[in-house]
Amino acid sequence: MKIAVLGTGITKFGERWEKSLVDLAEGAALEALDDAKVQVSGIEAIFIGNMLSGRVDNQVHLGSLIGERLRFNGPTVRIEGACASGGMATREAVLSLLSGEYKKVLVVGVEKMTDCQNSQISEALMSAAGEEERRAGLTFPSLFALMARAYMEKYKVSEKDLAAVAVKNHFHASFNPKAQFPFEITTKQVLKSPKITEPIKLFDCSPISDGAAAVVLADKDTPCQVAIIASAQASDTLSLARRRNLTKLLSVEKAAQKAYQMADIGPKDIDLAEVHDCFTIAEIMALEALGFYKKGEGWRGAVEEGTYLGGKLPVNTSGGLKAFGHPVGATGVKQVVEIANQLKNKAGKRQVKGARIGLTQNIGGAGGTAVVHILSND
């Protein structure tokens, strides 16, 4: 499998009150098209990752709206898979190219979240959780706190170990001018930040964000510097109450296994990764599900600095969701943008030297959906 990544575009993530949802989408799309040296007329379809436009922007016909702004009259498709919407949009674009239907497509992930009150966003996000959990009044910090508590008790891990993930990702973001929080923080700051739902604290959480990311993809016959060589998706129960094990992400394990098989490689062949660190515990569990660390040892990545720039497997060089930001529909596409730029040696001060193969992992909800992509410049 080979799907060419011709161009990438990304806006600054954060509180973008001066921009509308469609402004953000247009900005990222035009940057990707310019990077690919492709006109809109050369695109055959647009795939849009978005979760919340119907609830917070009162716009459910987003494909047509973005097509209108870009003066594009071909097919547009909005794809929703909670926080995995961007990863799923990328995957659907990949499948459309593999099918032979199209030769060149555009993927846009976009979300506008900060115009609403936090309580409204929390309620909207919980539409991606199970009915039992919504009725109980839980939020996503609560769900991941349950997973964190189970993990900490099973593997004797401390809150300080979780905090190391946040410290590491802020360090990476300090080299990224488009990050929402491009500055470093300390372990002490994480541990002293306000408690959201024990053991999750404010600095264990990714923020509410606005932003967009885009990629131009083309079929296997198109010359390119970087290609997607695997794309896989898997599912788990929507509700945590129905899971047998709260300390692992089964959907991520399944998607990763399929992706490694498709690319004919293993975890040891990956040079860097962008993983879904919506909360610090999520990165730790993802590293284990992806096969980078043994069960119960994913926390070692940040604590022992193996997942830092210069470590054996740099993870979330962009700053991750935690520090780069998490406009939910854009995140999966943003991960592909970061890996593609790393593999093109275009990541500036956060460049991973000699990177050849990178991986992205994007989840929806508390792991009900998982999407994994593998990219290569070989």
Protein backbone atom coordinates (compact mmCIF):
# COMPACT_ATOMS: atom_id res chain seq x y z
CA MET A 1 0.00 0.00 0.00
CA LYS A 2 1.20 3.50 -0.85
CA ILE A 3 -0.80 6.72 -0.63
CA ALA A 4 1.18 9.86 -1.45
CA VAL A 5 1.13 12.78 1.00
CA LEU A 6 1.64 15.74 -1.32
CA GLY A 7 1.04 18.67 1.00
CA THR A 8 0.10 19.67 4.53
CA GLY A 9 -1.47 22.69 6.17
CA ILE A 10 -2.33 23.64 9.74
CA THR A 11 -3.60 26.69 11.58
CA LYS A 12 -2.46 27.81 14.98
CA PHE A 13 -4.51 25.98 17.61
CA GLY A 14 -6.03 27.82 20.55
CA GLU A 15 -8.74 30.37 21.30
CA ARG A 16 -9.27 31.61 17.75
CA TRP A 17 -12.16 33.98 18.41
CA GLU A 18 -11.31 36.07 15.36
CA LYS A 19 -11.92 33.08 13.05
CA SER A 20 -15.06 31.12 12.19
CA LEU A 21 -15.22 27.37 11.69
CA VAL A 22 -15.09 27.74 7.92
CA ASP A 23 -12.30 30.37 8.14
CA LEU A 24 -10.13 27.83 9.97
CA ALA A 25 -10.96 25.06 7.48
CA GLU A 26 -10.17 27.32 4.54
CA GLY A 27 -6.87 28.45 6.02
CA ALA A 28 -5.57 24.92 6.56
CA ALA A 29 -6.89 23.71 3.19
CA LEU A 30 -5.30 26.51 1.17
CA GLU A 31 -1.97 26.01 2.95
CA ALA A 32 -2.04 22.28 2.15
CA LEU A 33 -2.93 22.93 -1.48
CA ASP A 34 -0.14 25.49 -1.78
CA ASP A 35 2.34 23.08 -0.18
CA ALA A 36 1.26 20.37 -2.64
CA LYS A 37 1.38 22.82 -5.56
CA VAL A 38 -2.14 21.75 -6.48
CA GLN A 39 -5.09 23.93 -7.46
CA VAL A 40 -8.54 23.31 -6.04
CA SER A 41 -9.56 22.32 -9.57
CA GLY A 42 -7.08 19.43 -9.33
CA ILE A 43 -8.87 17.93 -6.31
CA GLU A 44 -11.54 15.31 -6.97
CA ALA A 45 -13.11 15.00 -3.50
CA ILE A 46 -12.90 16.54 -0.03
CA PHE A 47 -13.16 14.53 3.19
CA ILE A 48 -13.93 16.54 6.32
CA GLY A 49 -13.36 15.36 9.90
CA ASN A 50 -15.63 17.14 12.37
CA MET A 51 -17.56 16.17 15.49
CA LEU A 52 -19.42 19.14 16.90
CA SER A 53 -20.53 21.51 14.13
CA GLY A 54 -24.14 20.38 14.38
CA ARG A 55 -24.28 20.99 18.12
CA VAL A 56 -22.14 24.09 18.70
CA ASP A 57 -22.21 25.81 15.29
CA ASN A 58 -25.74 24.80 14.26
CA GLN A 59 -24.34 23.61 10.93
CA VAL A 60 -24.79 19.98 9.88
CA HIS A 61 -24.13 20.51 6.16
CA LEU A 62 -20.45 21.24 6.66
CA GLY A 63 -19.24 19.54 3.49
CA SER A 64 -21.22 21.84 1.24
CA LEU A 65 -20.25 24.90 3.28
CA ILE A 66 -16.51 24.22 3.06
CA GLY A 67 -16.84 23.30 -0.61
CA GLU A 68 -18.58 26.64 -1.20
CA ARG A 69 -15.80 28.57 0.53
CA LEU A 70 -13.13 26.75 -1.51
CA ARG A 71 -15.18 27.11 -4.74
CA PHE A 72 -15.21 23.36 -5.11
CA ASN A 73 -18.12 21.63 -6.85
CA GLY A 74 -17.06 18.02 -6.50
CA PRO A 75 -18.12 15.54 -3.79
CA THR A 76 -17.60 16.59 -0.17
CA VAL A 77 -18.10 14.24 2.76
CA ARG A 78 -18.25 15.10 6.47
CA ILE A 79 -17.12 12.20 8.67
CA GLU A 80 -17.82 11.93 12.41
CA GLY A 81 -16.22 9.53 14.86
CA ALA A 82 -16.05 11.65 18.01
CA CYS A 83 -12.42 12.69 18.71
CA ALA A 84 -11.29 10.22 16.02
CA SER A 85 -13.14 12.15 13.29
CA GLY A 86 -9.91 13.46 11.75
CA GLY A 87 -8.27 10.05 11.69
CA MET A 88 -11.39 8.51 10.18
CA ALA A 89 -11.61 11.23 7.52
CA THR A 90 -8.00 10.51 6.57
CA ARG A 91 -8.72 6.78 6.42
CA GLU A 92 -11.82 7.23 4.25
CA ALA A 93 -9.77 9.38 1.89
CA VAL A 94 -7.11 6.66 1.76
CA LEU A 95 -9.74 4.03 0.96
CA SER A 96 -11.22 6.19 -1.80
CA LEU A 97 -7.80 6.40 -3.45
CA LEU A 98 -7.12 2.68 -3.04
CA SER A 99 -10.47 1.93 -4.67
CA GLY A 100 -9.42 3.82 -7.79
CA GLU A 101 -12.39 6.19 -7.60
CA TYR A 102 -10.11 9.22 -7.23
CA LYS A 103 -6.49 10.09 -7.90
CA LYS A 104 -6.14 13.21 -5.72
CA VAL A 105 -8.17 14.28 -2.68
CA LEU A 106 -8.12 16.80 0.16
CA VAL A 107 -8.66 15.95 3.84
CA VAL A 108 -9.63 18.70 6.30
CA GLY A 109 -10.09 18.28 10.04
CA VAL A 110 -11.68 21.23 11.82
CA GLU A 111 -13.37 22.20 15.07
CA LYS A 112 -14.48 25.47 16.69
CA MET A 113 -15.03 24.95 20.41
CA THR A 114 -14.16 28.08 22.38
CA ASP A 115 -17.21 30.15 21.40
CA CYS A 116 -19.30 28.06 23.82
CA GLN A 117 -19.24 27.81 27.60
CA ASN A 118 -17.21 24.94 29.01
CA SER A 119 -20.35 23.29 30.35
CA GLN A 120 -21.90 23.28 26.86
CA ILE A 121 -18.76 21.74 25.36
CA SER A 122 -18.59 19.09 28.10
CA GLU A 123 -22.20 18.14 27.42
CA ALA A 124 -21.60 18.02 23.67
CA LEU A 125 -18.49 15.87 24.07
CA MET A 126 -20.37 13.43 26.28
CA SER A 127 -22.60 12.62 23.34
CA ALA A 128 -19.67 10.33 22.43
CA ALA A 129 -20.02 8.32 25.66
CA GLY A 130 -22.33 5.54 26.79
CA GLU A 131 -25.87 6.14 27.96
CA GLU A 132 -25.16 4.75 31.44
CA GLU A 133 -22.31 7.20 31.92
CA ARG A 134 -24.29 10.19 30.74
CA ARG A 135 -27.14 9.35 33.09
CA ALA A 136 -24.66 9.08 35.95
CA GLY A 137 -23.45 12.62 35.24
CA LEU A 138 -19.93 11.58 34.25
CA THR A 139 -17.67 13.62 31.98
CA PHE A 140 -14.66 12.54 29.93
CA PRO A 141 -12.25 13.59 32.68
CA SER A 142 -14.27 11.30 34.96
CA LEU A 143 -14.05 8.39 32.54
CA PHE A 144 -10.31 8.72 32.11
CA ALA A 145 -9.94 9.19 35.87
CA LEU A 146 -11.57 5.78 36.33
CA MET A 147 -9.09 4.31 33.87
CA ALA A 148 -6.20 6.13 35.56
CA ARG A 149 -7.20 4.91 39.02
CA ALA A 150 -7.51 1.30 37.83
CA TYR A 151 -4.12 1.54 36.10
CA MET A 152 -2.39 3.18 39.06
CA GLU A 153 -3.67 0.59 41.50
CA LYS A 154 -2.82 -2.36 39.25
CA TYR A 155 0.70 -1.25 38.37
CA LYS A 156 1.60 0.85 41.45
CA VAL A 157 2.00 4.05 39.44
CA SER A 158 1.92 7.52 41.04
CA GLU A 159 0.36 10.83 40.06
CA LYS A 160 3.92 12.11 39.56
CA ASP A 161 4.44 9.46 36.88
CA LEU A 162 1.34 10.71 35.04
CA ALA A 163 2.51 14.30 35.37
CA ALA A 164 5.72 13.45 33.51
CA VAL A 165 3.70 13.07 30.30
CA ALA A 166 2.37 16.62 30.55
CA VAL A 167 5.84 18.01 31.29
CA LYS A 168 7.30 16.22 28.28
CA ASN A 169 4.60 17.34 25.85
CA HIS A 170 4.82 20.97 26.97
CA PHE A 171 8.58 20.77 26.44
CA HIS A 172 8.00 19.65 22.85
CA ALA A 173 5.35 22.35 22.33
CA SER A 174 7.84 25.01 23.40
CA PHE A 175 9.49 24.46 19.99
CA ASN A 176 6.18 24.74 18.09
CA PRO A 177 4.87 28.27 17.41
CA LYS A 178 1.47 26.95 16.28
CA ALA A 179 0.83 25.20 19.60
CA GLN A 180 -1.87 26.47 21.92
CA PHE A 181 0.53 26.32 24.88
CA PRO A 182 4.08 26.78 23.49
CA PHE A 183 5.80 26.85 26.88
CA GLU A 184 7.31 24.48 29.42
CA ILE A 185 5.77 23.46 32.74
CA THR A 186 7.16 21.61 35.75
CA THR A 187 6.08 18.47 37.56
CA LYS A 188 5.31 20.62 40.60
CA GLN A 189 2.95 22.78 38.54
CA VAL A 190 1.08 19.73 37.27
CA LEU A 191 0.71 18.22 40.73
CA LYS A 192 -0.44 21.54 42.24
CA SER A 193 -2.91 22.35 39.45
CA PRO A 194 -6.62 22.20 40.40
CA LYS A 195 -8.16 18.75 40.74
CA ILE A 196 -10.74 18.01 38.07
CA THR A 197 -11.66 14.48 39.13
CA GLU A 198 -9.13 12.52 41.17
CA PRO A 199 -6.46 11.63 40.14
CA ILE A 200 -6.90 13.83 37.04
CA LYS A 201 -5.80 17.43 37.53
CA LEU A 202 -6.12 20.42 35.24
CA PHE A 203 -2.64 20.00 33.76
CA ASP A 204 -3.33 16.30 33.05
CA CYS A 205 -6.01 17.39 30.57
CA SER A 206 -5.90 18.58 26.97
CA PRO A 207 -7.61 21.96 26.45
CA ILE A 208 -10.71 23.11 24.62
CA SER A 209 -9.40 24.42 21.30
CA ASP A 210 -10.15 25.87 17.89
CA GLY A 211 -8.14 24.84 14.87
CA ALA A 212 -7.88 23.03 11.56
CA ALA A 213 -5.42 20.80 9.72
CA ALA A 214 -5.35 19.52 6.15
CA VAL A 215 -3.50 17.12 3.88
CA VAL A 216 -3.52 16.54 0.13
CA LEU A 217 -3.35 12.82 -0.69
CA ALA A 218 -2.83 11.09 -4.03
CA ASP A 219 -2.79 7.57 -5.45
CA LYS A 220 0.17 5.17 -5.53
CA ASP A 221 1.35 6.30 -8.95
CA THR A 222 2.03 9.85 -7.77
CA PRO A 223 5.69 10.70 -6.99
CA CYS A 224 6.12 11.84 -3.39
CA GLN A 225 8.54 12.32 -0.49
CA VAL A 226 6.23 10.77 2.10
CA ALA A 227 3.53 8.12 1.82
CA ILE A 228 0.92 6.51 4.06
CA ILE A 229 1.80 2.82 4.03
CA ALA A 230 -0.87 1.54 6.44
CA SER A 231 -4.31 2.64 7.60
CA ALA A 232 -6.37 0.65 10.10
CA GLN A 233 -9.40 1.12 12.32
CA ALA A 234 -10.94 -0.89 15.15
CA SER A 235 -13.59 -0.55 17.84
CA ASP A 236 -14.33 -1.36 21.47
CA THR A 237 -17.41 -0.91 23.63
CA LEU A 238 -18.67 2.66 23.84
CA SER A 239 -19.26 2.38 27.57
CA LEU A 240 -16.51 1.68 30.10
CA ALA A 241 -19.08 -0.23 32.16
CA ARG A 242 -19.14 -2.93 29.49
CA ARG A 243 -15.37 -3.44 29.28
CA ARG A 244 -13.57 -6.33 30.89
CA ASN A 245 -10.37 -4.38 31.44
CA LEU A 246 -10.05 -0.66 32.17
CA THR A 247 -6.25 -0.68 31.98
CA LYS A 248 -5.85 -1.26 28.27
CA LEU A 249 -7.15 0.16 24.99
CA LEU A 250 -8.33 -2.87 23.04
CA SER A 251 -9.38 -0.87 19.98
CA VAL A 252 -5.88 0.61 19.72
CA GLU A 253 -4.28 -2.83 20.05
CA LYS A 254 -6.45 -4.22 17.25
CA ALA A 255 -5.92 -1.25 14.92
CA ALA A 256 -2.17 -1.29 15.55
CA GLN A 257 -1.92 -5.01 14.82
CA LYS A 258 -3.70 -4.49 11.49
CA ALA A 259 -1.51 -1.50 10.60
CA TYR A 260 1.76 -3.29 11.41
CA GLN A 261 0.65 -6.29 9.34
CA MET A 262 -0.32 -4.04 6.43
CA ALA A 263 3.04 -2.24 6.50
CA ASP A 264 4.95 -5.49 7.16
CA ILE A 265 6.79 -3.93 10.10
CA GLY A 266 6.65 -4.01 13.91
CA PRO A 267 6.72 -1.49 16.78
CA LYS A 268 10.54 -1.51 16.83
CA ASP A 269 10.60 -0.12 13.27
CA ILE A 270 8.78 3.09 14.25
CA ASP A 271 11.02 6.15 14.65
CA LEU A 272 8.45 8.54 16.14
CA ALA A 273 4.75 8.66 16.97
CA GLU A 274 1.89 11.07 17.53
CA VAL A 275 -0.53 9.50 20.03
CA HIS A 276 -3.87 10.59 21.46
CA ASP A 277 -2.97 12.16 24.83
CA CYS A 278 -6.35 13.73 25.62
CA PHE A 279 -5.33 12.98 29.22
CA THR A 280 -1.92 11.94 30.49
CA ILE A 281 -3.12 8.40 31.23
CA ALA A 282 -4.28 8.08 27.61
CA GLU A 283 -0.73 8.48 26.28
CA ILE A 284 0.60 5.92 28.75
CA MET A 285 -2.02 3.35 27.78
CA ALA A 286 -1.56 4.10 24.07
CA LEU A 287 2.17 3.39 24.24
CA GLU A 288 1.40 -0.05 25.63
CA ALA A 289 -1.43 -0.78 23.19
CA LEU A 290 0.84 0.16 20.27
CA GLY A 291 3.49 -2.28 21.45
CA PHE A 292 6.14 0.30 22.37
CA TYR A 293 6.14 -0.63 26.06
CA LYS A 294 5.08 -3.68 28.06
CA LYS A 295 1.82 -3.62 29.99
CA GLY A 296 2.22 -1.49 33.08
CA GLU A 297 5.38 0.24 31.82
CA GLY A 298 4.10 2.92 29.45
CA TRP A 299 4.65 5.57 32.12
CA ARG A 300 8.40 4.94 31.84
CA GLY A 301 8.45 6.65 28.46
CA ALA A 302 8.22 10.18 29.86
CA VAL A 303 9.72 9.46 33.30
CA GLU A 304 12.88 7.94 31.82
CA GLU A 305 12.85 10.38 28.85
CA GLY A 306 12.70 7.68 26.19
CA THR A 307 9.76 9.50 24.54
CA TYR A 308 11.49 12.89 24.55
CA LEU A 309 13.17 14.43 21.52
CA GLY A 310 16.52 12.65 21.39
CA GLY A 311 15.07 9.56 23.11
CA LYS A 312 14.69 6.11 21.60
CA LEU A 313 11.10 6.85 20.46
CA PRO A 314 10.06 10.52 20.46
CA VAL A 315 6.32 10.77 21.08
CA ASN A 316 4.11 13.81 20.45
CA THR A 317 6.85 16.04 19.11
CA SER A 318 4.11 18.50 18.12
CA GLY A 319 3.21 18.96 21.78
CA GLY A 320 0.42 16.42 21.57
CA LEU A 321 -3.20 17.15 22.35
CA LYS A 322 -2.08 18.25 25.79
CA ALA A 323 -0.02 21.26 24.70
CA PHE A 324 -0.61 21.70 20.97
CA GLY A 325 -4.38 21.67 21.57
CA HIS A 326 -7.34 19.42 20.85
CA PRO A 327 -9.97 20.78 18.44
CA VAL A 328 -11.48 17.33 18.35
CA GLY A 329 -12.28 16.94 14.64
CA ALA A 330 -8.87 18.29 13.61
CA THR A 331 -6.64 16.18 15.86
CA GLY A 332 -6.32 13.06 13.70
CA VAL A 333 -5.36 15.12 10.64
CA LYS A 334 -2.96 17.27 12.68
CA GLN A 335 -1.14 14.09 13.73
CA VAL A 336 -0.61 13.14 10.08
CA VAL A 337 0.62 16.68 9.34
CA GLU A 338 3.22 16.47 12.13
CA ILE A 339 4.54 13.06 11.08
CA ALA A 340 4.64 14.04 7.40
CA ASN A 341 6.60 17.20 8.20
CA GLN A 342 8.99 15.24 10.40
CA LEU A 343 9.60 12.73 7.61
CA LYS A 344 10.19 15.61 5.18
CA ASN A 345 12.74 17.09 7.61
CA LYS A 346 10.57 20.21 7.97
CA ALA A 347 9.97 20.20 11.75
CA GLY A 348 12.55 22.83 12.70
CA LYS A 349 13.81 22.76 16.30
CA ARG A 350 11.72 19.68 17.11
CA GLN A 351 13.08 17.65 14.19
CA VAL A 352 13.74 13.96 14.88
CA LYS A 353 17.04 13.23 13.16
CA GLY A 354 17.01 10.44 10.61
CA ALA A 355 13.29 9.69 10.99
CA ARG A 356 12.07 7.25 8.32
CA ILE A 357 8.85 5.75 9.66
CA GLY A 358 6.21 7.44 11.83
CA LEU A 359 2.89 6.40 13.35
CA THR A 360 -0.30 8.23 14.33
CA GLN A 361 -2.93 6.96 16.79
CA ASN A 362 -6.29 8.73 17.16
CA ILE A 363 -9.17 7.59 19.39
CA GLY A 364 -12.82 8.51 19.70
CA GLY A 365 -14.48 8.71 23.11
CA ALA A 366 -12.69 6.64 25.72
CA GLY A 367 -11.35 4.30 23.04
CA GLY A 368 -14.61 3.20 21.44
CA THR A 369 -12.97 3.92 18.09
CA ALA A 370 -9.28 3.86 17.18
CA VAL A 371 -7.48 4.75 13.95
CA VAL A 372 -3.80 4.07 13.28
CA HIS A 373 -1.78 5.31 10.31
CA ILE A 374 1.83 4.54 9.43
CA LEU A 375 3.83 6.87 7.19
CA SER A 376 7.24 6.40 5.55
CA ASN A 377 9.73 8.44 3.56
CA ASP A 378 11.60 5.36 2.33
